[in-house]
Amino acid sequence: METTLNECRPGDKVVIVRVGGEGPVKRRLMDMGITRGAEILVRKVAPMGDPIEVNIRGYELTFRKADASNIMIQKLES
């Protein structure tokens, strides 16, 4: 089932299916290593859902909810 990164909970392991957004937003995400097939571990989600802290490619990133909504993911079985 495809969903977006902003709908994940702490501890979820996901794989990126598609990166949305347009122009500079998409380019910035891809420059950070957010590309199709990369695995993500959701570490923390703030109480109001913004920001979201993840581990990807051996480093930690923090996303705003608006940016995370541009990342289409598929959950992996734990």
PDB file of N, CA and C in Angstrom:
ATOM      1  N   MET A   1       0.843  -1.184   0.000  1.00  0.00           N
ATOM      2  CA  MET A   1       0.000   0.000   0.000  1.00  0.00           C
ATOM      3  C   MET A   1       0.890   1.249   0.000  1.00  0.00           C
ATOM      4  N   GLU A   2       0.635   2.160  -0.902  1.00  0.00           N
ATOM      5  CA  GLU A   2       1.390   3.402  -1.027  1.00  0.00           C
ATOM      6  C   GLU A   2       0.781   4.487  -0.148  1.00  0.00           C
ATOM      7  N   THR A   3       1.637   5.209   0.533  1.00  0.00           N
ATOM      8  CA  THR A   3       1.205   6.327   1.365  1.00  0.00           C
ATOM      9  C   THR A   3       2.312   7.385   1.327  1.00  0.00           C
ATOM     10  N   THR A   4       2.229   8.399   2.177  1.00  0.00           N
ATOM     11  CA  THR A   4       3.272   9.418   2.206  1.00  0.00           C
ATOM     12  C   THR A   4       4.019   9.357   3.527  1.00  0.00           C
ATOM     13  N   LEU A   5       5.223   9.895   3.539  1.00  0.00           N
ATOM     14  CA  LEU A   5       6.082   9.833   4.719  1.00  0.00           C
ATOM     15  C   LEU A   5       5.466  10.532   5.923  1.00  0.00           C
ATOM     16  N   ASN A   6       4.692  11.572   5.710  1.00  0.00           N
ATOM     17  CA  ASN A   6       4.118  12.300   6.842  1.00  0.00           C
ATOM     18  C   ASN A   6       3.054  11.500   7.584  1.00  0.00           C
ATOM     19  N   GLU A   7       2.647  10.342   7.075  1.00  0.00           N
ATOM     20  CA  GLU A   7       1.653   9.498   7.736  1.00  0.00           C
ATOM     21  C   GLU A   7       2.284   8.364   8.534  1.00  0.00           C
ATOM     22  N   CYS A   8       3.615   8.331   8.610  1.00  0.00           N
ATOM     23  CA  CYS A   8       4.321   7.258   9.314  1.00  0.00           C
ATOM     24  C   CYS A   8       4.398   7.534  10.807  1.00  0.00           C
ATOM     25  N   ARG A   9       4.659   6.452  11.558  1.00  0.00           N
ATOM     26  CA  ARG A   9       4.832   6.536  13.002  1.00  0.00           C
ATOM     27  C   ARG A   9       6.253   6.138  13.363  1.00  0.00           C
ATOM     28  N   PRO A  10       6.720   6.528  14.551  1.00  0.00           N
ATOM     29  CA  PRO A  10       8.068   6.136  14.966  1.00  0.00           C
ATOM     30  C   PRO A  10       8.241   4.614  14.922  1.00  0.00           C
ATOM     31  N   GLY A  11       9.383   4.189  14.404  1.00  0.00           N
ATOM     32  CA  GLY A  11       9.676   2.765  14.296  1.00  0.00           C
ATOM     33  C   GLY A  11       9.314   2.154  12.958  1.00  0.00           C
ATOM     34  N   ASP A  12       8.563   2.866  12.127  1.00  0.00           N
ATOM     35  CA  ASP A  12       8.196   2.345  10.806  1.00  0.00           C
ATOM     36  C   ASP A  12       9.421   2.275   9.906  1.00  0.00           C
ATOM     37  N   LYS A  13       9.533   1.173   9.171  1.00  0.00           N
ATOM     38  CA  LYS A  13      10.569   1.031   8.146  1.00  0.00           C
ATOM     39  C   LYS A  13       9.857   1.087   6.804  1.00  0.00           C
ATOM     40  N   VAL A  14      10.334   1.981   5.947  1.00  0.00           N
ATOM     41  CA  VAL A  14       9.672   2.205   4.663  1.00  0.00           C
ATOM     42  C   VAL A  14      10.698   2.288   3.551  1.00  0.00           C
ATOM     43  N   VAL A  15      10.222   2.150   2.316  1.00  0.00           N
ATOM     44  CA  VAL A  15      11.069   2.335   1.140  1.00  0.00           C
ATOM     45  C   VAL A  15      10.408   3.398   0.260  1.00  0.00           C
ATOM     46  N   ILE A  16      11.219   4.253  -0.328  1.00  0.00           N
ATOM     47  CA  ILE A  16      10.696   5.342  -1.160  1.00  0.00           C
ATOM     48  C   ILE A  16      10.256   4.786  -2.507  1.00  0.00           C
ATOM     49  N   VAL A  17       9.035   5.111  -2.883  1.00  0.00           N
ATOM     50  CA  VAL A  17       8.476   4.688  -4.163  1.00  0.00           C
ATOM     51  C   VAL A  17       8.611   5.799  -5.199  1.00  0.00           C
ATOM     52  N   ARG A  18       8.380   7.043  -4.761  1.00  0.00           N
ATOM     53  CA  ARG A  18       8.390   8.173  -5.693  1.00  0.00           C
ATOM     54  C   ARG A  18       8.586   9.457  -4.910  1.00  0.00           C
ATOM     55  N   VAL A  19       9.268  10.404  -5.519  1.00  0.00           N
ATOM     56  CA  VAL A  19       9.455  11.724  -4.913  1.00  0.00           C
ATOM     57  C   VAL A  19       8.628  12.714  -5.721  1.00  0.00           C
ATOM     58  N   GLY A  20       7.693  13.360  -5.042  1.00  0.00           N
ATOM     59  CA  GLY A  20       6.824  14.325  -5.710  1.00  0.00           C
ATOM     60  C   GLY A  20       7.371  15.731  -5.571  1.00  0.00           C
ATOM     61  N   GLY A  21       6.506  16.687  -5.744  1.00  0.00           N
ATOM     62  CA  GLY A  21       6.922  18.086  -5.681  1.00  0.00           C
ATOM     63  C   GLY A  21       7.334  18.565  -7.057  1.00  0.00           C
ATOM     64  N   GLU A  22       7.606  19.838  -7.148  1.00  0.00           N
ATOM     65  CA  GLU A  22       7.998  20.415  -8.429  1.00  0.00           C
ATOM     66  C   GLU A  22       9.214  21.305  -8.261  1.00  0.00           C
ATOM     67  N   GLY A  23      10.004  21.368  -9.298  1.00  0.00           N
ATOM     68  CA  GLY A  23      11.141  22.276  -9.365  1.00  0.00           C
ATOM     69  C   GLY A  23      12.095  22.171  -8.197  1.00  0.00           C
ATOM     70  N   PRO A  24      12.333  23.294  -7.514  1.00  0.00           N
ATOM     71  CA  PRO A  24      13.342  23.331  -6.456  1.00  0.00           C
ATOM     72  C   PRO A  24      13.044  22.401  -5.281  1.00  0.00           C
ATOM     73  N   VAL A  25      11.774  22.180  -4.979  1.00  0.00           N
ATOM     74  CA  VAL A  25      11.417  21.302  -3.857  1.00  0.00           C
ATOM     75  C   VAL A  25      11.879  19.882  -4.144  1.00  0.00           C
ATOM     76  N   LYS A  26      11.549  19.378  -5.302  1.00  0.00           N
ATOM     77  CA  LYS A  26      11.943  18.017  -5.682  1.00  0.00           C
ATOM     78  C   LYS A  26      13.465  17.907  -5.768  1.00  0.00           C
ATOM     79  N   ARG A  27      14.117  18.877  -6.349  1.00  0.00           N
ATOM     80  CA  ARG A  27      15.577  18.868  -6.490  1.00  0.00           C
ATOM     81  C   ARG A  27      16.242  18.841  -5.115  1.00  0.00           C
ATOM     82  N   ARG A  28      15.736  19.659  -4.161  1.00  0.00           N
ATOM     83  CA  ARG A  28      16.314  19.710  -2.815  1.00  0.00           C
ATOM     84  C   ARG A  28      16.182  18.362  -2.118  1.00  0.00           C
ATOM     85  N   LEU A  29      15.023  17.719  -2.232  1.00  0.00           N
ATOM     86  CA  LEU A  29      14.827  16.403  -1.629  1.00  0.00           C
ATOM     87  C   LEU A  29      15.782  15.378  -2.233  1.00  0.00           C
ATOM     88  N   MET A  30      15.914  15.392  -3.540  1.00  0.00           N
ATOM     89  CA  MET A  30      16.792  14.436  -4.203  1.00  0.00           C
ATOM     90  C   MET A  30      18.259  14.700  -3.857  1.00  0.00           C
ATOM     91  N   ASP A  31      18.640  15.956  -3.688  1.00  0.00           N
ATOM     92  CA  ASP A  31      20.005  16.288  -3.293  1.00  0.00           C
ATOM     93  C   ASP A  31      20.334  15.775  -1.887  1.00  0.00           C
ATOM     94  N   MET A  32      19.321  15.617  -1.049  1.00  0.00           N
ATOM     95  CA  MET A  32      19.517  15.092   0.303  1.00  0.00           C
ATOM     96  C   MET A  32      19.571  13.567   0.325  1.00  0.00           C
ATOM     97  N   GLY A  33      19.439  12.931  -0.829  1.00  0.00           N
ATOM     98  CA  GLY A  33      19.494  11.474  -0.886  1.00  0.00           C
ATOM     99  C   GLY A  33      18.137  10.801  -0.873  1.00  0.00           C
ATOM    100  N   ILE A  34      17.086  11.581  -1.010  1.00  0.00           N
ATOM    101  CA  ILE A  34      15.733  11.036  -1.036  1.00  0.00           C
ATOM    102  C   ILE A  34      15.441  10.611  -2.471  1.00  0.00           C
ATOM    103  N   THR A  35      15.750   9.353  -2.782  1.00  0.00           N
ATOM    104  CA  THR A  35      15.559   8.831  -4.130  1.00  0.00           C
ATOM    105  C   THR A  35      14.806   7.506  -4.064  1.00  0.00           C
ATOM    106  N   ARG A  36      14.223   7.129  -5.180  1.00  0.00           N
ATOM    107  CA  ARG A  36      13.450   5.896  -5.267  1.00  0.00           C
ATOM    108  C   ARG A  36      14.312   4.707  -4.839  1.00  0.00           C
ATOM    109  N   GLY A  37      13.731   3.842  -4.002  1.00  0.00           N
ATOM    110  CA  GLY A  37      14.403   2.632  -3.561  1.00  0.00           C
ATOM    111  C   GLY A  37      15.172   2.768  -2.256  1.00  0.00           C
ATOM    112  N   ALA A  38      15.381   3.981  -1.770  1.00  0.00           N
ATOM    113  CA  ALA A  38      16.106   4.179  -0.509  1.00  0.00           C
ATOM    114  C   ALA A  38      15.212   3.770   0.666  1.00  0.00           C
ATOM    115  N   GLU A  39      15.820   3.104   1.647  1.00  0.00           N
ATOM    116  CA  GLU A  39      15.079   2.688   2.841  1.00  0.00           C
ATOM    117  C   GLU A  39      15.195   3.757   3.918  1.00  0.00           C
ATOM    118  N   ILE A  40      14.095   3.945   4.643  1.00  0.00           N
ATOM    119  CA  ILE A  40      14.014   4.956   5.694  1.00  0.00           C
ATOM    120  C   ILE A  40      13.509   4.305   6.968  1.00  0.00           C
ATOM    121  N   LEU A  41      14.111   4.676   8.093  1.00  0.00           N
ATOM    122  CA  LEU A  41      13.609   4.297   9.410  1.00  0.00           C
ATOM    123  C   LEU A  41      13.111   5.573  10.072  1.00  0.00           C
ATOM    124  N   VAL A  42      11.837   5.607  10.434  1.00  0.00           N
ATOM    125  CA  VAL A  42      11.260   6.778  11.088  1.00  0.00           C
ATOM    126  C   VAL A  42      11.653   6.718  12.564  1.00  0.00           C
ATOM    127  N   ARG A  43      12.432   7.703  13.027  1.00  0.00           N
ATOM    128  CA  ARG A  43      12.940   7.714  14.397  1.00  0.00           C
ATOM    129  C   ARG A  43      11.975   8.407  15.355  1.00  0.00           C
ATOM    130  N   LYS A  44      11.578   9.633  15.014  1.00  0.00           N
ATOM    131  CA  LYS A  44      10.721  10.413  15.913  1.00  0.00           C
ATOM    132  C   LYS A  44       9.721  11.219  15.105  1.00  0.00           C
ATOM    133  N   VAL A  45       8.566  11.423  15.697  1.00  0.00           N
ATOM    134  CA  VAL A  45       7.561  12.323  15.121  1.00  0.00           C
ATOM    135  C   VAL A  45       7.103  13.230  16.257  1.00  0.00           C
ATOM    136  N   ALA A  46       7.174  14.519  16.049  1.00  0.00           N
ATOM    137  CA  ALA A  46       6.771  15.477  17.077  1.00  0.00           C
ATOM    138  C   ALA A  46       5.282  15.307  17.397  1.00  0.00           C
ATOM    139  N   PRO A  47       4.865  15.699  18.590  1.00  0.00           N
ATOM    140  CA  PRO A  47       3.458  15.510  18.999  1.00  0.00           C
ATOM    141  C   PRO A  47       2.427  16.057  18.016  1.00  0.00           C
ATOM    142  N   MET A  48       2.720  17.175  17.376  1.00  0.00           N
ATOM    143  CA  MET A  48       1.775  17.737  16.410  1.00  0.00           C
ATOM    144  C   MET A  48       2.078  17.254  14.990  1.00  0.00           C
ATOM    145  N   GLY A  49       3.049  16.324  14.842  1.00  0.00           N
ATOM    146  CA  GLY A  49       3.362  15.752  13.544  1.00  0.00           C
ATOM    147  C   GLY A  49       4.407  16.509  12.746  1.00  0.00           C
ATOM    148  N   ASP A  50       4.939  17.576  13.311  1.00  0.00           N
ATOM    149  CA  ASP A  50       5.903  18.394  12.577  1.00  0.00           C
ATOM    150  C   ASP A  50       7.004  18.833  13.522  1.00  0.00           C
ATOM    151  N   PRO A  51       8.228  18.449  13.362  1.00  0.00           N
ATOM    152  CA  PRO A  51       8.872  17.751  12.254  1.00  0.00           C
ATOM    153  C   PRO A  51       8.917  16.235  12.450  1.00  0.00           C
ATOM    154  N   ILE A  52       9.471  15.557  11.446  1.00  0.00           N
ATOM    155  CA  ILE A  52       9.633  14.109  11.435  1.00  0.00           C
ATOM    156  C   ILE A  52      11.126  13.822  11.290  1.00  0.00           C
ATOM    157  N   GLU A  53      11.687  13.034  12.206  1.00  0.00           N
ATOM    158  CA  GLU A  53      13.111  12.694  12.155  1.00  0.00           C
ATOM    159  C   GLU A  53      13.260  11.271  11.618  1.00  0.00           C
ATOM    160  N   VAL A  54      14.142  11.103  10.628  1.00  0.00           N
ATOM    161  CA  VAL A  54      14.337   9.797   9.993  1.00  0.00           C
ATOM    162  C   VAL A  54      15.820   9.469   9.856  1.00  0.00           C
ATOM    163  N   ASN A  55      16.113   8.195   9.685  1.00  0.00           N
ATOM    164  CA  ASN A  55      17.452   7.733   9.310  1.00  0.00           C
ATOM    165  C   ASN A  55      17.373   7.252   7.879  1.00  0.00           C
ATOM    166  N   ILE A  56      18.284   7.728   7.031  1.00  0.00           N
ATOM    167  CA  ILE A  56      18.352   7.311   5.635  1.00  0.00           C
ATOM    168  C   ILE A  56      19.809   7.330   5.198  1.00  0.00           C
ATOM    169  N   ARG A  57      20.230   6.275   4.563  1.00  0.00           N
ATOM    170  CA  ARG A  57      21.593   6.163   4.030  1.00  0.00           C
ATOM    171  C   ARG A  57      22.674   6.444   5.077  1.00  0.00           C
ATOM    172  N   GLY A  58      22.410   6.057   6.323  1.00  0.00           N
ATOM    173  CA  GLY A  58      23.408   6.194   7.374  1.00  0.00           C
ATOM    174  C   GLY A  58      23.459   7.550   8.059  1.00  0.00           C
ATOM    175  N   TYR A  59      22.539   8.439   7.774  1.00  0.00           N
ATOM    176  CA  TYR A  59      22.527   9.720   8.472  1.00  0.00           C
ATOM    177  C   TYR A  59      21.106  10.107   8.837  1.00  0.00           C
ATOM    178  N   GLU A  60      20.988  11.104   9.704  1.00  0.00           N
ATOM    179  CA  GLU A  60      19.677  11.543  10.184  1.00  0.00           C
ATOM    180  C   GLU A  60      19.238  12.809   9.458  1.00  0.00           C
ATOM    181  N   LEU A  61      17.962  12.839   9.123  1.00  0.00           N
ATOM    182  CA  LEU A  61      17.352  14.014   8.496  1.00  0.00           C
ATOM    183  C   LEU A  61      16.082  14.364   9.250  1.00  0.00           C
ATOM    184  N   THR A  62      15.723  15.613   9.210  1.00  0.00           N
ATOM    185  CA  THR A  62      14.470  16.060   9.796  1.00  0.00           C
ATOM    186  C   THR A  62      13.682  16.777   8.708  1.00  0.00           C
ATOM    187  N   PHE A  63      12.416  16.362   8.555  1.00  0.00           N
ATOM    188  CA  PHE A  63      11.548  16.934   7.522  1.00  0.00           C
ATOM    189  C   PHE A  63      10.399  17.696   8.136  1.00  0.00           C
ATOM    190  N   ARG A  64      10.009  18.759   7.460  1.00  0.00           N
ATOM    191  CA  ARG A  64       8.741  19.404   7.785  1.00  0.00           C
ATOM    192  C   ARG A  64       7.633  18.535   7.213  1.00  0.00           C
ATOM    193  N   LYS A  65       6.465  18.639   7.783  1.00  0.00           N
ATOM    194  CA  LYS A  65       5.313  17.848   7.336  1.00  0.00           C
ATOM    195  C   LYS A  65       5.015  18.101   5.861  1.00  0.00           C
ATOM    196  N   ALA A  66       5.142  19.335   5.421  1.00  0.00           N
ATOM    197  CA  ALA A  66       4.857  19.684   4.023  1.00  0.00           C
ATOM    198  C   ALA A  66       5.830  18.984   3.078  1.00  0.00           C
ATOM    199  N   ASP A  67       7.105  18.907   3.457  1.00  0.00           N
ATOM    200  CA  ASP A  67       8.088  18.217   2.614  1.00  0.00           C
ATOM    201  C   ASP A  67       7.864  16.713   2.631  1.00  0.00           C
ATOM    202  N   ALA A  68       7.549  16.168   3.804  1.00  0.00           N
ATOM    203  CA  ALA A  68       7.325  14.727   3.930  1.00  0.00           C
ATOM    204  C   ALA A  68       6.113  14.273   3.121  1.00  0.00           C
ATOM    205  N   SER A  69       5.162  15.166   2.895  1.00  0.00           N
ATOM    206  CA  SER A  69       3.976  14.792   2.112  1.00  0.00           C
ATOM    207  C   SER A  69       4.298  14.609   0.632  1.00  0.00           C
ATOM    208  N   ASN A  70       5.480  15.046   0.182  1.00  0.00           N
ATOM    209  CA  ASN A  70       5.907  14.869  -1.213  1.00  0.00           C
ATOM    210  C   ASN A  70       6.635  13.550  -1.443  1.00  0.00           C
ATOM    211  N   ILE A  71       6.856  12.783  -0.373  1.00  0.00           N
ATOM    212  CA  ILE A  71       7.617  11.531  -0.478  1.00  0.00           C
ATOM    213  C   ILE A  71       6.660  10.353  -0.368  1.00  0.00           C
ATOM    214  N   MET A  72       6.421   9.689  -1.493  1.00  0.00           N
ATOM    215  CA  MET A  72       5.549   8.507  -1.527  1.00  0.00           C
ATOM    216  C   MET A  72       6.355   7.295  -1.085  1.00  0.00           C
ATOM    217  N   ILE A  73       5.805   6.529  -0.145  1.00  0.00           N
ATOM    218  CA  ILE A  73       6.539   5.396   0.422  1.00  0.00           C
ATOM    219  C   ILE A  73       5.677   4.148   0.446  1.00  0.00           C
ATOM    220  N   GLN A  74       6.342   3.026   0.689  1.00  0.00           N
ATOM    221  CA  GLN A  74       5.664   1.761   0.904  1.00  0.00           C
ATOM    222  C   GLN A  74       6.263   1.171   2.175  1.00  0.00           C
ATOM    223  N   LYS A  75       5.404   0.755   3.110  1.00  0.00           N
ATOM    224  CA  LYS A  75       5.888   0.221   4.380  1.00  0.00           C
ATOM    225  C   LYS A  75       6.470  -1.172   4.175  1.00  0.00           C
ATOM    226  N   LEU A  76       7.557  -1.422   4.901  1.00  0.00           N
ATOM    227  CA  LEU A  76       8.197  -2.738   4.878  1.00  0.00           C
ATOM    228  C   LEU A  76       7.706  -3.516   6.098  1.00  0.00           C
ATOM    229  N   GLU A  77       7.664  -4.815   5.980  1.00  0.00           N
ATOM    230  CA  GLU A  77       7.267  -5.653   7.104  1.00  0.00           C
ATOM    231  C   GLU A  77       8.371  -5.628   8.144  1.00  0.00           C
ATOM    232  N   SER A  78       8.004  -5.450   9.401  1.00  0.00           N
ATOM    233  CA  SER A  78       9.000  -5.382  10.489  1.00  0.00           C
ATOM    234  C   SER A  78       9.400  -6.756  10.949  1.00  0.00           C
TER     235      SER A  78
END
